């Protein structure tokens, strides 16, 4: 198992758009997130080894305005989904700042899908 797969992953529950910051082009939607990268689902493939500046925009809720994370990333891989018209793309974050790490940690904690099953006694 690769080190990336061993990283704690948070599945994102709502449609979280991911843009290329400079062109403002929607690349796709965030599927899951780690401190080292993300999984993007998109309608078009992205070129492997392409470097991007991402703007990931987490939707606002009643307590908090939109949270935007801007981070440099490299397209590590891109594959079509089985029997679908979408692509899964692995993004590897590059030169992540301490502030971005804190934001990513906070987002992972707030938006993650709870993968633990409830106990039978409760």
N, C-alpha and C. Protein backbone atom coordinates (compact mmCIF):
# COMPACT_ATOMS: atom_id res chain seq x y z
N UNK A 1 0.84 -1.18 0.00
CA UNK A 1 0.00 0.00 0.00
C UNK A 1 0.89 1.24 0.00
N UNK A 2 0.58 2.21 -0.84
CA UNK A 2 1.41 3.40 -0.92
C UNK A 2 1.20 4.27 0.30
N UNK A 3 2.16 5.17 0.56
CA UNK A 3 2.07 6.07 1.70
C UNK A 3 0.85 6.99 1.58
N UNK A 4 0.50 7.38 0.35
CA UNK A 4 -0.66 8.24 0.16
C UNK A 4 -1.93 7.56 0.62
N UNK A 5 -2.06 6.28 0.40
CA UNK A 5 -3.24 5.54 0.80
C UNK A 5 -3.29 5.36 2.31
N UNK A 6 -2.16 5.51 2.99
CA UNK A 6 -2.13 5.36 4.44
C UNK A 6 -2.51 6.67 5.13
N UNK A 7 -2.52 7.76 4.41
CA UNK A 7 -2.87 9.07 4.95
C UNK A 7 -4.35 9.10 5.31
N UNK A 8 -4.69 9.72 6.44
CA UNK A 8 -6.09 9.85 6.84
C UNK A 8 -6.84 10.63 5.78
N UNK A 9 -7.95 10.06 5.31
CA UNK A 9 -8.75 10.68 4.27
C UNK A 9 -10.10 11.08 4.84
N UNK A 10 -10.59 12.20 4.36
CA UNK A 10 -11.93 12.64 4.73
C UNK A 10 -12.77 12.73 3.48
N UNK A 11 -13.87 12.02 3.47
CA UNK A 11 -14.79 12.07 2.35
C UNK A 11 -15.64 13.32 2.51
N UNK A 12 -15.75 14.09 1.45
CA UNK A 12 -16.49 15.34 1.50
C UNK A 12 -17.94 15.06 1.13
N UNK A 13 -18.86 15.53 1.97
CA UNK A 13 -20.27 15.18 1.79
C UNK A 13 -21.02 16.05 0.80
N UNK A 14 -20.64 17.29 0.64
CA UNK A 14 -21.38 18.15 -0.29
C UNK A 14 -20.54 18.43 -1.52
N UNK A 15 -21.17 18.97 -2.55
CA UNK A 15 -20.45 19.28 -3.77
C UNK A 15 -19.53 20.46 -3.51
N UNK A 16 -18.24 20.19 -3.48
CA UNK A 16 -17.25 21.21 -3.21
C UNK A 16 -16.50 21.50 -4.50
N UNK A 17 -16.74 22.67 -5.10
CA UNK A 17 -16.09 22.97 -6.37
C UNK A 17 -14.60 23.25 -6.22
N UNK A 18 -13.84 22.81 -7.23
CA UNK A 18 -12.41 23.06 -7.28
C UNK A 18 -12.13 23.79 -8.59
N UNK A 19 -11.55 24.97 -8.48
CA UNK A 19 -11.25 25.81 -9.64
C UNK A 19 -9.75 25.91 -9.85
N UNK A 20 -9.34 26.18 -11.07
CA UNK A 20 -7.97 26.61 -11.33
C UNK A 20 -8.00 28.10 -11.03
N UNK A 21 -7.20 28.54 -10.07
CA UNK A 21 -7.29 29.88 -9.52
C UNK A 21 -7.15 30.98 -10.56
N UNK A 22 -6.14 30.91 -11.41
CA UNK A 22 -5.83 32.01 -12.33
C UNK A 22 -6.82 32.12 -13.49
N UNK A 23 -7.28 30.98 -14.00
CA UNK A 23 -8.22 31.03 -15.13
C UNK A 23 -9.68 31.01 -14.67
N UNK A 24 -9.89 30.69 -13.39
CA UNK A 24 -11.24 30.58 -12.81
C UNK A 24 -12.08 29.49 -13.49
N UNK A 25 -11.42 28.50 -14.07
CA UNK A 25 -12.11 27.38 -14.72
C UNK A 25 -12.43 26.32 -13.66
N UNK A 26 -13.69 25.86 -13.68
CA UNK A 26 -14.10 24.79 -12.78
C UNK A 26 -13.45 23.49 -13.27
N UNK A 27 -12.63 22.87 -12.41
CA UNK A 27 -11.97 21.62 -12.77
C UNK A 27 -12.83 20.41 -12.43
N UNK A 28 -13.60 20.51 -11.37
CA UNK A 28 -14.44 19.40 -10.94
C UNK A 28 -14.84 19.60 -9.49
N UNK A 29 -15.16 18.47 -8.83
CA UNK A 29 -15.64 18.52 -7.46
C UNK A 29 -14.81 17.59 -6.58
N UNK A 30 -14.60 18.04 -5.37
CA UNK A 30 -13.79 17.31 -4.42
C UNK A 30 -14.52 16.07 -3.95
N UNK A 31 -13.84 14.92 -3.99
CA UNK A 31 -14.40 13.67 -3.50
C UNK A 31 -13.88 13.37 -2.10
N UNK A 32 -12.56 13.47 -1.92
CA UNK A 32 -12.01 13.33 -0.58
C UNK A 32 -10.74 14.16 -0.46
N UNK A 33 -10.27 14.27 0.78
CA UNK A 33 -9.21 15.22 1.10
C UNK A 33 -8.28 14.63 2.14
N UNK A 34 -6.98 14.86 1.98
CA UNK A 34 -5.98 14.52 2.99
C UNK A 34 -5.11 15.76 3.18
N UNK A 35 -4.19 15.69 4.12
CA UNK A 35 -3.25 16.79 4.31
C UNK A 35 -2.27 16.90 3.15
N UNK A 36 -2.14 15.83 2.37
CA UNK A 36 -1.17 15.80 1.28
C UNK A 36 -1.78 15.90 -0.11
N UNK A 37 -3.11 15.81 -0.20
CA UNK A 37 -3.70 15.86 -1.53
C UNK A 37 -5.20 15.68 -1.50
N UNK A 38 -5.75 15.46 -2.69
CA UNK A 38 -7.20 15.35 -2.81
C UNK A 38 -7.56 14.47 -3.99
N UNK A 39 -8.81 14.01 -3.98
CA UNK A 39 -9.36 13.27 -5.11
C UNK A 39 -10.42 14.16 -5.74
N UNK A 40 -10.28 14.39 -7.02
CA UNK A 40 -11.18 15.25 -7.78
C UNK A 40 -11.99 14.40 -8.74
N UNK A 41 -13.28 14.70 -8.87
CA UNK A 41 -14.14 14.05 -9.86
C UNK A 41 -14.51 15.12 -10.87
N UNK A 42 -14.28 14.80 -12.15
CA UNK A 42 -14.52 15.80 -13.19
C UNK A 42 -15.09 15.17 -14.46
N UNK A 43 -15.58 16.02 -15.35
CA UNK A 43 -16.11 15.55 -16.62
C UNK A 43 -15.01 15.38 -17.67
N UNK A 44 -13.89 16.07 -17.47
CA UNK A 44 -12.79 16.00 -18.43
C UNK A 44 -11.52 15.54 -17.72
N UNK A 45 -10.66 14.81 -18.44
CA UNK A 45 -9.41 14.37 -17.83
C UNK A 45 -8.43 15.53 -17.70
N UNK A 46 -7.54 15.42 -16.73
CA UNK A 46 -6.46 16.39 -16.56
C UNK A 46 -5.15 15.72 -16.90
N UNK A 47 -4.23 16.47 -17.46
CA UNK A 47 -2.92 15.92 -17.85
C UNK A 47 -2.09 15.58 -16.62
N UNK A 48 -1.57 14.36 -16.59
CA UNK A 48 -0.70 13.92 -15.50
C UNK A 48 0.55 14.79 -15.48
N UNK A 49 1.02 15.13 -14.28
CA UNK A 49 2.17 15.98 -13.99
C UNK A 49 1.91 17.46 -14.24
N UNK A 50 0.69 17.81 -14.59
CA UNK A 50 0.34 19.23 -14.76
C UNK A 50 0.34 19.90 -13.38
N UNK A 51 0.92 21.09 -13.30
CA UNK A 51 0.92 21.87 -12.07
C UNK A 51 -0.19 22.90 -12.12
N UNK A 52 -0.93 23.01 -11.03
CA UNK A 52 -2.08 23.89 -10.96
C UNK A 52 -2.05 24.69 -9.67
N UNK A 53 -2.70 25.82 -9.67
CA UNK A 53 -3.00 26.52 -8.43
C UNK A 53 -4.49 26.38 -8.23
N UNK A 54 -4.87 25.66 -7.19
CA UNK A 54 -6.26 25.33 -6.95
C UNK A 54 -6.92 26.32 -6.00
N UNK A 55 -8.18 26.57 -6.23
CA UNK A 55 -9.03 27.29 -5.29
C UNK A 55 -10.16 26.32 -4.95
N UNK A 56 -10.15 25.82 -3.72
CA UNK A 56 -11.16 24.88 -3.27
C UNK A 56 -12.12 25.66 -2.39
N UNK A 57 -13.39 25.68 -2.77
CA UNK A 57 -14.36 26.51 -2.07
C UNK A 57 -15.40 25.67 -1.34
N UNK A 58 -15.28 25.63 -0.03
CA UNK A 58 -16.22 24.91 0.81
C UNK A 58 -17.41 25.81 1.06
N UNK A 59 -18.59 25.29 0.83
CA UNK A 59 -19.82 26.08 0.93
C UNK A 59 -20.04 26.60 2.34
N UNK A 60 -20.71 27.75 2.39
CA UNK A 60 -21.01 28.32 3.70
C UNK A 60 -22.17 27.58 4.34
N UNK A 61 -22.23 27.71 5.64
CA UNK A 61 -23.38 27.19 6.37
C UNK A 61 -23.87 28.32 7.28
N UNK A 62 -24.81 28.03 8.13
CA UNK A 62 -25.40 29.08 8.94
C UNK A 62 -24.40 29.70 9.91
N UNK A 63 -23.35 28.95 10.28
CA UNK A 63 -22.39 29.45 11.26
C UNK A 63 -21.20 30.15 10.62
N UNK A 64 -20.90 29.84 9.38
CA UNK A 64 -19.62 30.26 8.83
C UNK A 64 -19.74 30.62 7.36
N UNK A 65 -19.02 31.66 6.93
CA UNK A 65 -19.01 31.99 5.50
C UNK A 65 -18.20 30.96 4.70
N UNK A 66 -18.15 31.14 3.42
CA UNK A 66 -17.39 30.24 2.54
C UNK A 66 -15.94 30.17 3.00
N UNK A 67 -15.41 28.95 3.05
CA UNK A 67 -14.00 28.75 3.36
C UNK A 67 -13.31 28.42 2.05
N UNK A 68 -12.28 29.19 1.71
CA UNK A 68 -11.55 28.95 0.47
C UNK A 68 -10.11 28.60 0.81
N UNK A 69 -9.66 27.50 0.22
CA UNK A 69 -8.26 27.10 0.36
C UNK A 69 -7.62 27.25 -1.01
N UNK A 70 -6.51 27.97 -1.04
CA UNK A 70 -5.74 28.12 -2.27
C UNK A 70 -4.43 27.37 -2.08
N UNK A 71 -4.16 26.42 -2.97
CA UNK A 71 -2.98 25.57 -2.80
C UNK A 71 -2.43 25.15 -4.17
N UNK A 72 -1.12 25.03 -4.25
CA UNK A 72 -0.47 24.53 -5.46
C UNK A 72 -0.55 23.00 -5.43
N UNK A 73 -0.82 22.41 -6.59
CA UNK A 73 -0.95 20.96 -6.66
C UNK A 73 -0.43 20.44 -8.00
N UNK A 74 -0.09 19.15 -7.97
CA UNK A 74 0.34 18.44 -9.18
C UNK A 74 -0.65 17.32 -9.43
N UNK A 75 -1.00 17.13 -10.69
CA UNK A 75 -1.88 16.02 -11.06
C UNK A 75 -1.03 14.75 -11.01
N UNK A 76 -1.30 13.89 -10.04
CA UNK A 76 -0.51 12.67 -9.86
C UNK A 76 -1.00 11.54 -10.78
N UNK A 77 -2.32 11.46 -10.98
CA UNK A 77 -2.90 10.44 -11.84
C UNK A 77 -4.30 10.87 -12.25
N UNK A 78 -4.79 10.26 -13.32
CA UNK A 78 -6.14 10.55 -13.81
C UNK A 78 -6.67 9.30 -14.50
N UNK A 79 -7.85 8.82 -14.07
CA UNK A 79 -8.43 7.60 -14.63
C UNK A 79 -9.93 7.79 -14.83
N UNK A 80 -10.47 7.21 -15.90
CA UNK A 80 -11.93 7.24 -16.04
C UNK A 80 -12.58 6.33 -14.99
N UNK A 81 -13.74 6.75 -14.49
CA UNK A 81 -14.49 5.88 -13.58
C UNK A 81 -15.04 4.70 -14.36
N UNK A 82 -15.21 3.58 -13.71
CA UNK A 82 -15.78 2.39 -14.35
C UNK A 82 -17.21 2.67 -14.77
N UNK A 83 -17.52 2.40 -16.04
CA UNK A 83 -18.88 2.49 -16.59
C UNK A 83 -19.52 3.86 -16.43
N UNK A 84 -18.71 4.90 -16.40
CA UNK A 84 -19.26 6.24 -16.24
C UNK A 84 -18.56 7.20 -17.19
N UNK A 85 -19.04 8.41 -17.22
CA UNK A 85 -18.44 9.42 -18.09
C UNK A 85 -17.60 10.42 -17.31
N UNK A 86 -17.25 10.10 -16.07
CA UNK A 86 -16.46 11.00 -15.23
C UNK A 86 -15.05 10.47 -15.05
N UNK A 87 -14.17 11.36 -14.58
CA UNK A 87 -12.78 11.00 -14.33
C UNK A 87 -12.45 11.24 -12.86
N UNK A 88 -11.67 10.33 -12.30
CA UNK A 88 -11.12 10.50 -10.96
C UNK A 88 -9.68 10.96 -11.13
N UNK A 89 -9.31 12.00 -10.41
CA UNK A 89 -7.96 12.56 -10.53
C UNK A 89 -7.35 12.73 -9.15
N UNK A 90 -6.15 12.19 -8.99
CA UNK A 90 -5.41 12.34 -7.75
C UNK A 90 -4.56 13.59 -7.82
N UNK A 91 -4.74 14.48 -6.86
CA UNK A 91 -3.98 15.73 -6.79
C UNK A 91 -3.04 15.68 -5.60
N UNK A 92 -1.77 15.99 -5.84
CA UNK A 92 -0.77 16.01 -4.79
C UNK A 92 -0.44 17.47 -4.47
N UNK A 93 -0.70 17.88 -3.21
CA UNK A 93 -0.41 19.26 -2.84
C UNK A 93 1.09 19.51 -2.83
N UNK A 94 1.48 20.71 -3.24
CA UNK A 94 2.88 21.11 -3.31
C UNK A 94 3.10 22.33 -2.41
N UNK A 95 4.16 22.35 -1.65
CA UNK A 95 4.55 23.51 -0.84
C UNK A 95 3.37 24.07 -0.05
N UNK A 96 2.77 23.23 0.79
CA UNK A 96 1.62 23.64 1.58
C UNK A 96 2.09 24.50 2.75
N UNK A 97 1.47 25.66 2.91
CA UNK A 97 1.84 26.56 4.01
C UNK A 97 1.26 26.05 5.32
N UNK A 98 1.78 26.55 6.44
CA UNK A 98 1.25 26.17 7.74
C UNK A 98 -0.20 26.59 7.88
N UNK A 99 -0.52 27.76 7.34
CA UNK A 99 -1.91 28.24 7.39
C UNK A 99 -2.82 27.29 6.61
N UNK A 100 -2.39 26.87 5.42
CA UNK A 100 -3.20 25.93 4.63
C UNK A 100 -3.36 24.60 5.35
N UNK A 101 -2.30 24.12 5.99
CA UNK A 101 -2.41 22.87 6.74
C UNK A 101 -3.47 22.98 7.82
N UNK A 102 -3.48 24.12 8.54
CA UNK A 102 -4.48 24.33 9.58
C UNK A 102 -5.88 24.38 8.99
N UNK A 103 -6.03 25.07 7.86
CA UNK A 103 -7.33 25.15 7.19
C UNK A 103 -7.80 23.77 6.73
N UNK A 104 -6.89 23.01 6.12
CA UNK A 104 -7.24 21.67 5.64
C UNK A 104 -7.64 20.78 6.81
N UNK A 105 -6.88 20.83 7.91
CA UNK A 105 -7.23 20.04 9.09
C UNK A 105 -8.61 20.41 9.61
N UNK A 106 -8.89 21.70 9.67
CA UNK A 106 -10.19 22.16 10.16
C UNK A 106 -11.31 21.69 9.22
N UNK A 107 -11.08 21.80 7.93
CA UNK A 107 -12.09 21.38 6.95
C UNK A 107 -12.31 19.87 7.04
N UNK A 108 -11.21 19.11 7.16
CA UNK A 108 -11.34 17.65 7.26
C UNK A 108 -12.18 17.27 8.48
N UNK A 109 -11.95 17.95 9.57
CA UNK A 109 -12.68 17.65 10.80
C UNK A 109 -14.15 18.02 10.66
N UNK A 110 -14.43 19.16 10.07
CA UNK A 110 -15.80 19.65 9.97
C UNK A 110 -16.63 18.92 8.92
N UNK A 111 -16.04 18.64 7.75
CA UNK A 111 -16.82 18.13 6.63
C UNK A 111 -16.70 16.63 6.41
N UNK A 112 -15.88 15.96 7.20
CA UNK A 112 -15.63 14.56 6.91
C UNK A 112 -16.85 13.69 7.11
N UNK A 113 -16.89 12.63 6.36
CA UNK A 113 -17.91 11.59 6.47
C UNK A 113 -17.51 10.67 7.61
N UNK A 114 -18.40 10.45 8.54
CA UNK A 114 -18.10 9.58 9.67
C UNK A 114 -18.16 8.14 9.22
N UNK A 115 -17.00 7.49 9.12
CA UNK A 115 -16.94 6.13 8.60
C UNK A 115 -17.11 5.07 9.68
N UNK A 116 -17.18 5.50 10.95
CA UNK A 116 -17.33 4.54 12.02
C UNK A 116 -18.81 4.16 12.16
N UNK A 117 -19.05 2.88 12.36
CA UNK A 117 -20.42 2.41 12.55
C UNK A 117 -20.83 2.65 13.99
N UNK A 118 -22.11 2.96 14.23
CA UNK A 118 -22.55 3.15 15.61
C UNK A 118 -22.45 1.85 16.39
N UNK A 119 -22.23 1.96 17.68
CA UNK A 119 -22.14 0.75 18.51
C UNK A 119 -23.52 0.12 18.62
N UNK A 120 -23.56 -1.20 18.81
CA UNK A 120 -24.82 -1.92 18.89
C UNK A 120 -25.59 -1.57 20.16
N UNK A 121 -24.89 -1.19 21.21
CA UNK A 121 -25.55 -0.90 22.47
C UNK A 121 -26.18 0.48 22.51
N UNK A 122 -25.88 1.36 21.54
CA UNK A 122 -26.34 2.74 21.66
C UNK A 122 -27.23 3.15 20.63
